[in-house]
Amino acid sequence: MEENEKKNQIVKCEFCGFTFQKCDGISCDSCPINCKTVKCPNCGYEILPESKSYKFMEDNVKRIKNRIFKSV
């Protein structure tokens, strides 16, 4: 994904449900540990980035589930 596409991603706040572009949220760019959190501009909730391993597992579980229920 290009840098511009990453900034224009749509994010939904897990706390208040507000939808905004990732570049509209406040991130902790000056953070010394580079945690990449995004703060909701509506309520201030800090949204952590999704881990790659979690995304990998979630995608595989969905794929397996679709194969099982599709063949039934």
PDB file of N, CA and C in Angstrom:
ATOM      1  N   MET A   1       0.848  -1.180   0.000  1.00  0.00           N
ATOM      2  CA  MET A   1       0.000   0.000   0.000  1.00  0.00           C
ATOM      3  C   MET A   1       0.894   1.244   0.000  1.00  0.00           C
ATOM      4  N   GLU A   2       0.576   2.203  -0.820  1.00  0.00           N
ATOM      5  CA  GLU A   2       1.352   3.428  -0.878  1.00  0.00           C
ATOM      6  C   GLU A   2       1.106   4.283   0.355  1.00  0.00           C
ATOM      7  N   GLU A   3       2.056   5.189   0.619  1.00  0.00           N
ATOM      8  CA  GLU A   3       1.952   6.059   1.793  1.00  0.00           C
ATOM      9  C   GLU A   3       0.686   6.903   1.742  1.00  0.00           C
ATOM     10  N   ASN A   4       0.320   7.405   0.564  1.00  0.00           N
ATOM     11  CA  ASN A   4      -0.877   8.233   0.412  1.00  0.00           C
ATOM     12  C   ASN A   4      -2.143   7.434   0.700  1.00  0.00           C
ATOM     13  N   GLU A   5      -2.176   6.164   0.270  1.00  0.00           N
ATOM     14  CA  GLU A   5      -3.337   5.309   0.531  1.00  0.00           C
ATOM     15  C   GLU A   5      -3.488   5.018   2.014  1.00  0.00           C
ATOM     16  N   LYS A   6      -2.365   4.843   2.717  1.00  0.00           N
ATOM     17  CA  LYS A   6      -2.411   4.584   4.155  1.00  0.00           C
ATOM     18  C   LYS A   6      -3.010   5.769   4.899  1.00  0.00           C
ATOM     19  N   LYS A   7      -2.665   6.978   4.484  1.00  0.00           N
ATOM     20  CA  LYS A   7      -3.167   8.167   5.158  1.00  0.00           C
ATOM     21  C   LYS A   7      -4.647   8.386   4.885  1.00  0.00           C
ATOM     22  N   ASN A   8      -5.139   7.948   3.729  1.00  0.00           N
ATOM     23  CA  ASN A   8      -6.532   8.163   3.359  1.00  0.00           C
ATOM     24  C   ASN A   8      -7.455   7.025   3.773  1.00  0.00           C
ATOM     25  N   GLN A   9      -6.968   6.099   4.569  1.00  0.00           N
ATOM     26  CA  GLN A   9      -7.803   4.995   5.026  1.00  0.00           C
ATOM     27  C   GLN A   9      -8.922   5.528   5.915  1.00  0.00           C
ATOM     28  N   ILE A  10     -10.090   4.908   5.771  1.00  0.00           N
ATOM     29  CA  ILE A  10     -11.224   5.255   6.613  1.00  0.00           C
ATOM     30  C   ILE A  10     -11.138   4.428   7.898  1.00  0.00           C
ATOM     31  N   VAL A  11     -11.254   5.103   9.030  1.00  0.00           N
ATOM     32  CA  VAL A  11     -11.162   4.463  10.339  1.00  0.00           C
ATOM     33  C   VAL A  11     -12.472   4.695  11.075  1.00  0.00           C
ATOM     34  N   LYS A  12     -12.971   3.656  11.741  1.00  0.00           N
ATOM     35  CA  LYS A  12     -14.164   3.794  12.570  1.00  0.00           C
ATOM     36  C   LYS A  12     -13.732   3.650  14.022  1.00  0.00           C
ATOM     37  N   CYS A  13     -14.080   4.626  14.841  1.00  0.00           N
ATOM     38  CA  CYS A  13     -13.722   4.602  16.253  1.00  0.00           C
ATOM     39  C   CYS A  13     -14.440   3.439  16.927  1.00  0.00           C
ATOM     40  N   GLU A  14     -13.681   2.640  17.655  1.00  0.00           N
ATOM     41  CA  GLU A  14     -14.247   1.474  18.337  1.00  0.00           C
ATOM     42  C   GLU A  14     -15.080   1.878  19.549  1.00  0.00           C
ATOM     43  N   PHE A  15     -14.921   3.109  20.009  1.00  0.00           N
ATOM     44  CA  PHE A  15     -15.623   3.551  21.205  1.00  0.00           C
ATOM     45  C   PHE A  15     -16.927   4.280  20.874  1.00  0.00           C
ATOM     46  N   CYS A  16     -16.835   5.325  20.021  1.00  0.00           N
ATOM     47  CA  CYS A  16     -18.030   6.129  19.747  1.00  0.00           C
ATOM     48  C   CYS A  16     -18.660   5.857  18.383  1.00  0.00           C
ATOM     49  N   GLY A  17     -17.961   5.120  17.495  1.00  0.00           N
ATOM     50  CA  GLY A  17     -18.503   4.791  16.191  1.00  0.00           C
ATOM     51  C   GLY A  17     -18.301   5.864  15.136  1.00  0.00           C
ATOM     52  N   PHE A  18     -17.618   6.950  15.489  1.00  0.00           N
ATOM     53  CA  PHE A  18     -17.361   8.037  14.548  1.00  0.00           C
ATOM     54  C   PHE A  18     -16.434   7.544  13.441  1.00  0.00           C
ATOM     55  N   THR A  19     -16.739   7.877  12.190  1.00  0.00           N
ATOM     56  CA  THR A  19     -15.934   7.476  11.048  1.00  0.00           C
ATOM     57  C   THR A  19     -15.155   8.677  10.546  1.00  0.00           C
ATOM     58  N   PHE A  20     -13.854   8.485  10.321  1.00  0.00           N
ATOM     59  CA  PHE A  20     -12.995   9.573   9.865  1.00  0.00           C
ATOM     60  C   PHE A  20     -11.830   9.006   9.063  1.00  0.00           C
ATOM     61  N   GLN A  21     -11.170   9.882   8.301  1.00  0.00           N
ATOM     62  CA  GLN A  21      -9.982   9.464   7.570  1.00  0.00           C
ATOM     63  C   GLN A  21      -8.820   9.383   8.537  1.00  0.00           C
ATOM     64  N   LYS A  22      -7.956   8.429   8.322  1.00  0.00           N
ATOM     65  CA  LYS A  22      -6.830   8.223   9.224  1.00  0.00           C
ATOM     66  C   LYS A  22      -5.990   9.490   9.368  1.00  0.00           C
ATOM     67  N   CYS A  23      -5.860  10.254   8.300  1.00  0.00           N
ATOM     68  CA  CYS A  23      -5.051  11.477   8.366  1.00  0.00           C
ATOM     69  C   CYS A  23      -5.745  12.565   9.186  1.00  0.00           C
ATOM     70  N   ASP A  24      -7.057  12.453   9.442  1.00  0.00           N
ATOM     71  CA  ASP A  24      -7.770  13.430  10.271  1.00  0.00           C
ATOM     72  C   ASP A  24      -7.545  13.185  11.759  1.00  0.00           C
ATOM     73  N   GLY A  25      -7.221  11.956  12.108  1.00  0.00           N
ATOM     74  CA  GLY A  25      -6.991  11.619  13.508  1.00  0.00           C
ATOM     75  C   GLY A  25      -5.627  12.108  13.960  1.00  0.00           C
ATOM     76  N   ILE A  26      -5.493  12.345  15.236  1.00  0.00           N
ATOM     77  CA  ILE A  26      -4.231  12.799  15.797  1.00  0.00           C
ATOM     78  C   ILE A  26      -3.399  11.565  16.107  1.00  0.00           C
ATOM     79  N   SER A  27      -2.204  11.494  15.545  1.00  0.00           N
ATOM     80  CA  SER A  27      -1.333  10.370  15.855  1.00  0.00           C
ATOM     81  C   SER A  27      -0.165  10.869  16.689  1.00  0.00           C
ATOM     82  N   CYS A  28       0.446   9.955  17.387  1.00  0.00           N
ATOM     83  CA  CYS A  28       1.559  10.364  18.236  1.00  0.00           C
ATOM     84  C   CYS A  28       2.864  10.245  17.449  1.00  0.00           C
ATOM     85  N   ASP A  29       3.050  11.136  16.464  1.00  0.00           N
ATOM     86  CA  ASP A  29       4.245  11.113  15.629  1.00  0.00           C
ATOM     87  C   ASP A  29       5.512  11.352  16.439  1.00  0.00           C
ATOM     88  N   SER A  30       5.400  12.087  17.519  1.00  0.00           N
ATOM     89  CA  SER A  30       6.582  12.377  18.329  1.00  0.00           C
ATOM     90  C   SER A  30       6.857  11.289  19.355  1.00  0.00           C
ATOM     91  N   CYS A  31       6.071  10.223  19.340  1.00  0.00           N
ATOM     92  CA  CYS A  31       6.212   9.127  20.302  1.00  0.00           C
ATOM     93  C   CYS A  31       7.574   8.438  20.122  1.00  0.00           C
ATOM     94  N   PRO A  32       8.344   8.277  21.186  1.00  0.00           N
ATOM     95  CA  PRO A  32       9.669   7.657  21.051  1.00  0.00           C
ATOM     96  C   PRO A  32       9.613   6.165  20.719  1.00  0.00           C
ATOM     97  N   ILE A  33       8.493   5.491  21.007  1.00  0.00           N
ATOM     98  CA  ILE A  33       8.403   4.060  20.696  1.00  0.00           C
ATOM     99  C   ILE A  33       7.682   3.795  19.381  1.00  0.00           C
ATOM    100  N   ASN A  34       7.237   4.869  18.712  1.00  0.00           N
ATOM    101  CA  ASN A  34       6.626   4.759  17.376  1.00  0.00           C
ATOM    102  C   ASN A  34       5.468   3.766  17.357  1.00  0.00           C
ATOM    103  N   CYS A  35       4.484   3.981  18.230  1.00  0.00           N
ATOM    104  CA  CYS A  35       3.391   3.019  18.406  1.00  0.00           C
ATOM    105  C   CYS A  35       2.294   3.126  17.346  1.00  0.00           C
ATOM    106  N   LYS A  36       2.240   4.198  16.576  1.00  0.00           N
ATOM    107  CA  LYS A  36       1.294   4.357  15.462  1.00  0.00           C
ATOM    108  C   LYS A  36      -0.178   4.372  15.879  1.00  0.00           C
ATOM    109  N   THR A  37      -0.473   4.810  17.088  1.00  0.00           N
ATOM    110  CA  THR A  37      -1.876   4.923  17.479  1.00  0.00           C
ATOM    111  C   THR A  37      -2.505   6.131  16.805  1.00  0.00           C
ATOM    112  N   VAL A  38      -3.815   6.082  16.629  1.00  0.00           N
ATOM    113  CA  VAL A  38      -4.569   7.190  16.050  1.00  0.00           C
ATOM    114  C   VAL A  38      -5.640   7.574  17.062  1.00  0.00           C
ATOM    115  N   LYS A  39      -5.744   8.864  17.334  1.00  0.00           N
ATOM    116  CA  LYS A  39      -6.727   9.336  18.308  1.00  0.00           C
ATOM    117  C   LYS A  39      -7.957   9.841  17.567  1.00  0.00           C
ATOM    118  N   CYS A  40      -9.127   9.378  17.995  1.00  0.00           N
ATOM    119  CA  CYS A  40     -10.389   9.795  17.387  1.00  0.00           C
ATOM    120  C   CYS A  40     -10.581  11.294  17.599  1.00  0.00           C
ATOM    121  N   PRO A  41     -10.848  12.052  16.529  1.00  0.00           N
ATOM    122  CA  PRO A  41     -11.074  13.488  16.684  1.00  0.00           C
ATOM    123  C   PRO A  41     -12.391  13.821  17.378  1.00  0.00           C
ATOM    124  N   ASN A  42     -13.303  12.847  17.482  1.00  0.00           N
ATOM    125  CA  ASN A  42     -14.599  13.073  18.108  1.00  0.00           C
ATOM    126  C   ASN A  42     -14.555  12.881  19.628  1.00  0.00           C
ATOM    127  N   CYS A  43     -14.007  11.753  20.079  1.00  0.00           N
ATOM    128  CA  CYS A  43     -14.044  11.446  21.518  1.00  0.00           C
ATOM    129  C   CYS A  43     -12.672  11.341  22.172  1.00  0.00           C
ATOM    130  N   GLY A  44     -11.606  11.261  21.373  1.00  0.00           N
ATOM    131  CA  GLY A  44     -10.265  11.187  21.930  1.00  0.00           C
ATOM    132  C   GLY A  44      -9.775   9.779  22.221  1.00  0.00           C
ATOM    133  N   TYR A  45     -10.579   8.763  21.899  1.00  0.00           N
ATOM    134  CA  TYR A  45     -10.174   7.374  22.126  1.00  0.00           C
ATOM    135  C   TYR A  45      -8.976   7.045  21.245  1.00  0.00           C
ATOM    136  N   GLU A  46      -7.965   6.391  21.814  1.00  0.00           N
ATOM    137  CA  GLU A  46      -6.774   6.028  21.059  1.00  0.00           C
ATOM    138  C   GLU A  46      -6.940   4.637  20.457  1.00  0.00           C
ATOM    139  N   ILE A  47      -6.855   4.573  19.139  1.00  0.00           N
ATOM    140  CA  ILE A  47      -7.056   3.333  18.398  1.00  0.00           C
ATOM    141  C   ILE A  47      -5.697   2.766  18.036  1.00  0.00           C
ATOM    142  N   LEU A  48      -5.438   1.555  18.490  1.00  0.00           N
ATOM    143  CA  LEU A  48      -4.173   0.898  18.181  1.00  0.00           C
ATOM    144  C   LEU A  48      -4.230   0.290  16.787  1.00  0.00           C
ATOM    145  N   PRO A  49      -3.105   0.253  16.096  1.00  0.00           N
ATOM    146  CA  PRO A  49      -3.102  -0.380  14.774  1.00  0.00           C
ATOM    147  C   PRO A  49      -3.295  -1.877  14.898  1.00  0.00           C
ATOM    148  N   GLU A  50      -3.917  -2.467  13.893  1.00  0.00           N
ATOM    149  CA  GLU A  50      -4.163  -3.903  13.896  1.00  0.00           C
ATOM    150  C   GLU A  50      -2.846  -4.622  13.644  1.00  0.00           C
ATOM    151  N   SER A  51      -2.557  -5.637  14.432  1.00  0.00           N
ATOM    152  CA  SER A  51      -1.305  -6.369  14.251  1.00  0.00           C
ATOM    153  C   SER A  51      -1.400  -7.249  13.000  1.00  0.00           C
ATOM    154  N   LYS A  52      -0.260  -7.456  12.355  1.00  0.00           N
ATOM    155  CA  LYS A  52      -0.230  -8.259  11.132  1.00  0.00           C
ATOM    156  C   LYS A  52      -0.559  -9.720  11.430  1.00  0.00           C
ATOM    157  N   SER A  53      -0.113 -10.206  12.585  1.00  0.00           N
ATOM    158  CA  SER A  53      -0.394 -11.613  12.910  1.00  0.00           C
ATOM    159  C   SER A  53      -1.885 -11.825  13.172  1.00  0.00           C
ATOM    160  N   TYR A  54      -2.540 -10.855  13.816  1.00  0.00           N
ATOM    161  CA  TYR A  54      -3.979 -10.958  14.050  1.00  0.00           C
ATOM    162  C   TYR A  54      -4.727 -10.946  12.722  1.00  0.00           C
ATOM    163  N   LYS A  55      -4.348 -10.059  11.827  1.00  0.00           N
ATOM    164  CA  LYS A  55      -4.994  -9.963  10.522  1.00  0.00           C
ATOM    165  C   LYS A  55      -4.816 -11.266   9.736  1.00  0.00           C
ATOM    166  N   PHE A  56      -3.623 -11.844   9.806  1.00  0.00           N
ATOM    167  CA  PHE A  56      -3.333 -13.105   9.131  1.00  0.00           C
ATOM    168  C   PHE A  56      -4.244 -14.214   9.651  1.00  0.00           C
ATOM    169  N   MET A  57      -4.357 -14.330  10.977  1.00  0.00           N
ATOM    170  CA  MET A  57      -5.199 -15.359  11.583  1.00  0.00           C
ATOM    171  C   MET A  57      -6.672 -15.131  11.253  1.00  0.00           C
ATOM    172  N   GLU A  58      -7.121 -13.883  11.316  1.00  0.00           N
ATOM    173  CA  GLU A  58      -8.517 -13.559  11.024  1.00  0.00           C
ATOM    174  C   GLU A  58      -8.866 -13.929   9.581  1.00  0.00           C
ATOM    175  N   ASP A  59      -7.988 -13.595   8.643  1.00  0.00           N
ATOM    176  CA  ASP A  59      -8.235 -13.923   7.234  1.00  0.00           C
ATOM    177  C   ASP A  59      -8.300 -15.430   7.009  1.00  0.00           C
ATOM    178  N   ASN A  60      -7.402 -16.178   7.649  1.00  0.00           N
ATOM    179  CA  ASN A  60      -7.394 -17.628   7.477  1.00  0.00           C
ATOM    180  C   ASN A  60      -8.618 -18.281   8.099  1.00  0.00           C
ATOM    181  N   VAL A  61      -9.046 -17.818   9.243  1.00  0.00           N
ATOM    182  CA  VAL A  61     -10.248 -18.372   9.879  1.00  0.00           C
ATOM    183  C   VAL A  61     -11.465 -18.112   8.999  1.00  0.00           C
ATOM    184  N   LYS A  62     -11.567 -16.915   8.435  1.00  0.00           N
ATOM    185  CA  LYS A  62     -12.686 -16.598   7.539  1.00  0.00           C
ATOM    186  C   LYS A  62     -12.666 -17.500   6.316  1.00  0.00           C
ATOM    187  N   ARG A  63     -11.489 -17.714   5.750  1.00  0.00           N
ATOM    188  CA  ARG A  63     -11.363 -18.546   4.556  1.00  0.00           C
ATOM    189  C   ARG A  63     -11.773 -19.987   4.855  1.00  0.00           C
ATOM    190  N   ILE A  64     -11.318 -20.523   5.975  1.00  0.00           N
ATOM    191  CA  ILE A  64     -11.662 -21.894   6.366  1.00  0.00           C
ATOM    192  C   ILE A  64     -13.163 -22.008   6.619  1.00  0.00           C
ATOM    193  N   LYS A  65     -13.709 -21.020   7.318  1.00  0.00           N
ATOM    194  CA  LYS A  65     -15.146 -21.027   7.618  1.00  0.00           C
ATOM    195  C   LYS A  65     -15.966 -20.989   6.327  1.00  0.00           C
ATOM    196  N   ASN A  66     -15.550 -20.175   5.381  1.00  0.00           N
ATOM    197  CA  ASN A  66     -16.270 -20.093   4.099  1.00  0.00           C
ATOM    198  C   ASN A  66     -16.211 -21.414   3.339  1.00  0.00           C
ATOM    199  N   ARG A  67     -15.073 -22.089   3.383  1.00  0.00           N
ATOM    200  CA  ARG A  67     -14.947 -23.385   2.702  1.00  0.00           C
ATOM    201  C   ARG A  67     -15.819 -24.443   3.352  1.00  0.00           C
ATOM    202  N   ILE A  68     -15.879 -24.445   4.673  1.00  0.00           N
ATOM    203  CA  ILE A  68     -16.668 -25.454   5.385  1.00  0.00           C
ATOM    204  C   ILE A  68     -18.150 -25.264   5.107  1.00  0.00           C
ATOM    205  N   PHE A  69     -18.634 -24.033   5.259  1.00  0.00           N
ATOM    206  CA  PHE A  69     -20.065 -23.786   5.102  1.00  0.00           C
ATOM    207  C   PHE A  69     -20.512 -23.712   3.651  1.00  0.00           C
ATOM    208  N   LYS A  70     -19.577 -23.458   2.756  1.00  0.00           N
ATOM    209  CA  LYS A  70     -19.913 -23.428   1.335  1.00  0.00           C
ATOM    210  C   LYS A  70     -20.141 -24.855   0.809  1.00  0.00           C
ATOM    211  N   SER A  71     -19.380 -25.812   1.363  1.00  0.00           N
ATOM    212  CA  SER A  71     -19.498 -27.199   0.884  1.00  0.00           C
ATOM    213  C   SER A  71     -20.680 -27.936   1.511  1.00  0.00           C
ATOM    214  N   VAL A  72     -21.316 -27.378   2.515  1.00  0.00           N
ATOM    215  CA  VAL A  72     -22.448 -28.049   3.186  1.00  0.00           C
ATOM    216  C   VAL A  72     -23.727 -27.783   2.456  1.00  0.00           C
TER     217      VAL A  72
END
